[in-house]
Amino acid sequence: MTTDPALEALRSLLLDHVDRIDALVDSLTRDLPTPIGTYRPDTQSNTVCWLVWHQARVLDDHGADLAGTAQVWTDEGWYDELGLPFPKSATGYGQSGDDVARVVASGEKLAGYHRDVTARLRDYLRSVDVAELERVVDTRWDPPVTAAVRIVSMLDDSVQHLGQAAYVRGVAERAGLG
């Protein structure tokens, strides 16, 4: 079987991006004390815990949809393991400040969930081909969203949320919490 070098380069690029997201999550969750993980500059701000959980949930939800697989959240028991007071379908989208405050979890558990999510995402990314990247996955937009656009959106959202989490963690650490 002949391998397309351009497609292999694209897969490698996407996988490298996921590796970088994993490194961000690892740095944010390593030795994460609860006071820092749950710190909020004000009552409407997001916490490190919520931001890490939310970006993992979106990667899980959207990645499973793309791959046609079950979500790690329910399939591998992370919903029960993290024990958050939300429906299984919750991804964090549209949640209130009160909901944000309810996300209290150890850095170790958040990192574990994220690692399981990205392991499945990597499996999917290793298999993408041109037809898959061009496949329309959401017709509610104009133009319709393809798998390629969804992948970029997912990875971009993760980086943005993790950057926010890094900022909040830094502010909490400078405030002497933890």
Protein backbone atom coordinates (compact mmCIF):
# COMPACT_ATOMS: atom_id res chain seq x y z
CA MET A 1 0.00 0.00 0.00
CA THR A 2 1.34 3.42 -0.99
CA THR A 3 1.26 6.09 1.67
CA ASP A 4 0.60 9.71 0.72
CA PRO A 5 3.44 11.78 2.22
CA ALA A 6 1.26 14.89 2.49
CA LEU A 7 -1.44 12.99 4.37
CA GLU A 8 1.16 11.45 6.69
CA ALA A 9 2.60 14.92 7.33
CA LEU A 10 -0.87 16.24 8.17
CA ARG A 11 -1.55 13.35 10.55
CA SER A 12 1.83 13.96 12.20
CA LEU A 13 1.04 17.66 12.59
CA LEU A 14 -2.34 16.95 14.19
CA LEU A 15 -0.85 14.36 16.53
CA ASP A 16 1.90 16.80 17.53
CA HIS A 17 -0.78 19.36 18.38
CA VAL A 18 -2.53 16.83 20.63
CA ASP A 19 0.83 16.06 22.29
CA ARG A 20 1.25 19.77 23.05
CA ILE A 21 -2.25 19.95 24.54
CA ASP A 22 -1.40 16.93 26.71
CA ALA A 23 1.74 18.70 27.92
CA LEU A 24 -0.33 21.76 28.85
CA VAL A 25 -2.80 19.62 30.81
CA ASP A 26 0.05 17.82 32.56
CA SER A 27 1.64 21.12 33.63
CA LEU A 28 -1.70 22.49 34.85
CA THR A 29 -2.76 19.43 36.82
CA ARG A 30 0.57 18.34 38.31
CA ASP A 31 0.51 18.91 42.08
CA LEU A 32 -2.73 20.91 41.78
CA PRO A 33 -3.95 21.80 45.27
CA THR A 34 -7.71 22.22 45.62
CA PRO A 35 -7.52 25.92 46.60
CA ILE A 36 -5.69 26.67 43.34
CA GLY A 37 -7.81 24.32 41.21
CA THR A 38 -11.01 25.95 42.45
CA TYR A 39 -9.81 29.56 42.67
CA ARG A 40 -11.96 32.16 40.95
CA PRO A 41 -10.98 35.82 40.62
CA ASP A 42 -14.71 36.62 40.82
CA THR A 43 -18.01 34.71 40.95
CA GLN A 44 -18.34 34.53 37.17
CA SER A 45 -14.79 33.39 36.42
CA ASN A 46 -13.82 29.88 35.41
CA THR A 47 -11.54 27.74 37.56
CA VAL A 48 -8.57 25.62 36.54
CA CYS A 49 -10.60 22.49 37.35
CA TRP A 50 -13.58 23.58 35.26
CA LEU A 51 -11.45 24.71 32.31
CA VAL A 52 -9.46 21.46 32.18
CA TRP A 53 -12.64 19.37 32.58
CA HIS A 54 -14.57 21.38 29.99
CA GLN A 55 -11.90 21.21 27.30
CA ALA A 56 -11.55 17.45 27.85
CA ARG A 57 -15.34 17.01 27.68
CA VAL A 58 -15.53 18.91 24.39
CA LEU A 59 -12.64 16.89 22.92
CA ASP A 60 -14.39 13.73 24.13
CA ASP A 61 -17.85 14.69 22.86
CA HIS A 62 -16.77 16.04 19.48
CA GLY A 63 -14.01 13.48 18.95
CA ALA A 64 -16.35 10.56 19.66
CA ASP A 65 -18.88 12.06 17.28
CA LEU A 66 -16.25 12.33 14.53
CA ALA A 67 -14.95 8.80 15.12
CA GLY A 68 -18.37 7.24 15.59
CA THR A 69 -17.38 5.86 18.99
CA ALA A 70 -18.68 6.07 22.53
CA GLN A 71 -17.40 8.85 24.74
CA VAL A 72 -14.67 8.09 27.26
CA TRP A 73 -16.80 10.03 29.81
CA THR A 74 -19.34 7.23 29.98
CA ASP A 75 -17.60 4.33 28.23
CA GLU A 76 -14.59 4.24 30.56
CA GLY A 77 -16.33 5.33 33.75
CA TRP A 78 -15.03 8.88 34.08
CA TYR A 79 -18.52 10.27 34.70
CA ASP A 80 -18.74 8.15 37.85
CA GLU A 81 -15.07 8.60 38.75
CA LEU A 82 -15.24 12.40 38.77
CA GLY A 83 -18.70 12.42 40.34
CA LEU A 84 -19.72 15.84 39.09
CA PRO A 85 -23.33 16.91 39.74
CA PHE A 86 -24.28 17.25 36.07
CA PRO A 87 -26.13 15.09 33.56
CA LYS A 88 -23.91 12.69 31.62
CA SER A 89 -24.45 14.82 28.50
CA ALA A 90 -22.96 17.99 30.09
CA THR A 91 -19.86 19.38 28.42
CA GLY A 92 -19.73 22.72 30.21
CA TYR A 93 -21.25 24.67 27.35
CA GLY A 94 -23.68 27.26 28.72
CA GLN A 95 -22.98 26.48 32.36
CA SER A 96 -23.46 29.15 35.02
CA GLY A 97 -20.95 30.48 37.50
CA ASP A 98 -22.56 28.26 40.12
CA ASP A 99 -21.99 25.23 37.88
CA VAL A 100 -18.34 26.19 37.41
CA ALA A 101 -17.90 26.21 41.20
CA ARG A 102 -19.25 22.64 41.38
CA VAL A 103 -16.32 21.22 39.40
CA VAL A 104 -13.97 20.08 42.14
CA ALA A 105 -11.60 17.29 41.19
CA SER A 106 -8.01 16.32 41.78
CA GLY A 107 -5.47 17.21 39.16
CA GLU A 108 -4.64 13.53 38.90
CA LYS A 109 -8.21 12.59 37.97
CA LEU A 110 -8.59 15.47 35.52
CA ALA A 111 -5.32 14.49 33.84
CA GLY A 112 -6.38 10.83 33.72
CA TYR A 113 -9.65 11.67 32.01
CA HIS A 114 -7.89 13.95 29.57
CA ARG A 115 -5.25 11.29 28.74
CA ASP A 116 -7.95 8.71 27.99
CA VAL A 117 -9.76 11.22 25.76
CA THR A 118 -6.65 12.10 23.78
CA ALA A 119 -5.69 8.44 23.41
CA ARG A 120 -8.97 7.89 21.56
CA LEU A 121 -8.57 11.10 19.62
CA ARG A 122 -5.12 9.97 18.48
CA ASP A 123 -6.58 6.68 17.23
CA TYR A 124 -9.05 8.64 15.12
CA LEU A 125 -6.43 11.10 13.83
CA ARG A 126 -4.11 8.26 12.77
CA SER A 127 -6.88 6.98 10.51
CA VAL A 128 -8.04 10.20 8.82
CA ASP A 129 -7.80 10.41 5.08
CA VAL A 130 -8.84 13.05 2.56
CA ALA A 131 -12.40 11.73 2.28
CA GLU A 132 -12.77 11.84 6.07
CA LEU A 133 -11.40 15.37 6.31
CA GLU A 134 -13.88 16.52 3.64
CA ARG A 135 -16.86 14.75 5.26
CA VAL A 136 -19.58 17.18 6.34
CA VAL A 137 -20.30 16.67 10.04
CA ASP A 138 -22.60 19.61 10.79
CA THR A 139 -25.02 21.20 8.35
CA ARG A 140 -26.31 23.85 10.77
CA TRP A 141 -23.62 26.26 9.59
CA ASP A 142 -23.02 28.03 6.29
CA PRO A 143 -20.78 26.70 4.97
CA PRO A 144 -21.38 23.29 6.52
CA VAL A 145 -18.69 22.11 8.93
CA THR A 146 -16.34 19.40 7.70
CA ALA A 147 -14.38 16.98 9.86
CA ALA A 148 -11.24 19.02 9.11
CA VAL A 149 -12.84 22.21 10.39
CA ARG A 150 -14.20 20.43 13.47
CA ILE A 151 -10.73 19.04 14.28
CA VAL A 152 -9.13 22.49 14.04
CA SER A 153 -11.92 23.99 16.13
CA MET A 154 -11.54 21.35 18.85
CA LEU A 155 -7.79 21.77 19.11
CA ASP A 156 -8.01 25.56 19.03
CA ASP A 157 -10.65 25.61 21.77
CA SER A 158 -8.48 23.36 23.94
CA VAL A 159 -5.47 25.63 23.63
CA GLN A 160 -7.55 28.71 24.42
CA HIS A 161 -9.13 27.13 27.51
CA LEU A 162 -5.83 25.78 28.76
CA GLY A 163 -4.23 29.19 28.31
CA GLN A 164 -7.01 30.62 30.46
CA ALA A 165 -6.41 27.90 33.04
CA ALA A 166 -2.68 28.69 33.11
CA TYR A 167 -3.49 32.35 33.74
CA VAL A 168 -5.92 31.53 36.57
CA ARG A 169 -3.44 29.12 38.14
CA GLY A 170 -0.73 31.76 37.99
CA VAL A 171 -2.97 34.37 39.61
CA ALA A 172 -3.95 31.90 42.36
CA GLU A 173 -0.32 30.96 43.01
CA ARG A 174 0.74 34.62 43.20
CA ALA A 175 -2.11 35.18 45.68
CA GLY A 176 -0.45 32.57 47.91
CA LEU A 177 -3.19 29.94 47.66
CA GLY A 178 -2.47 26.26 47.91
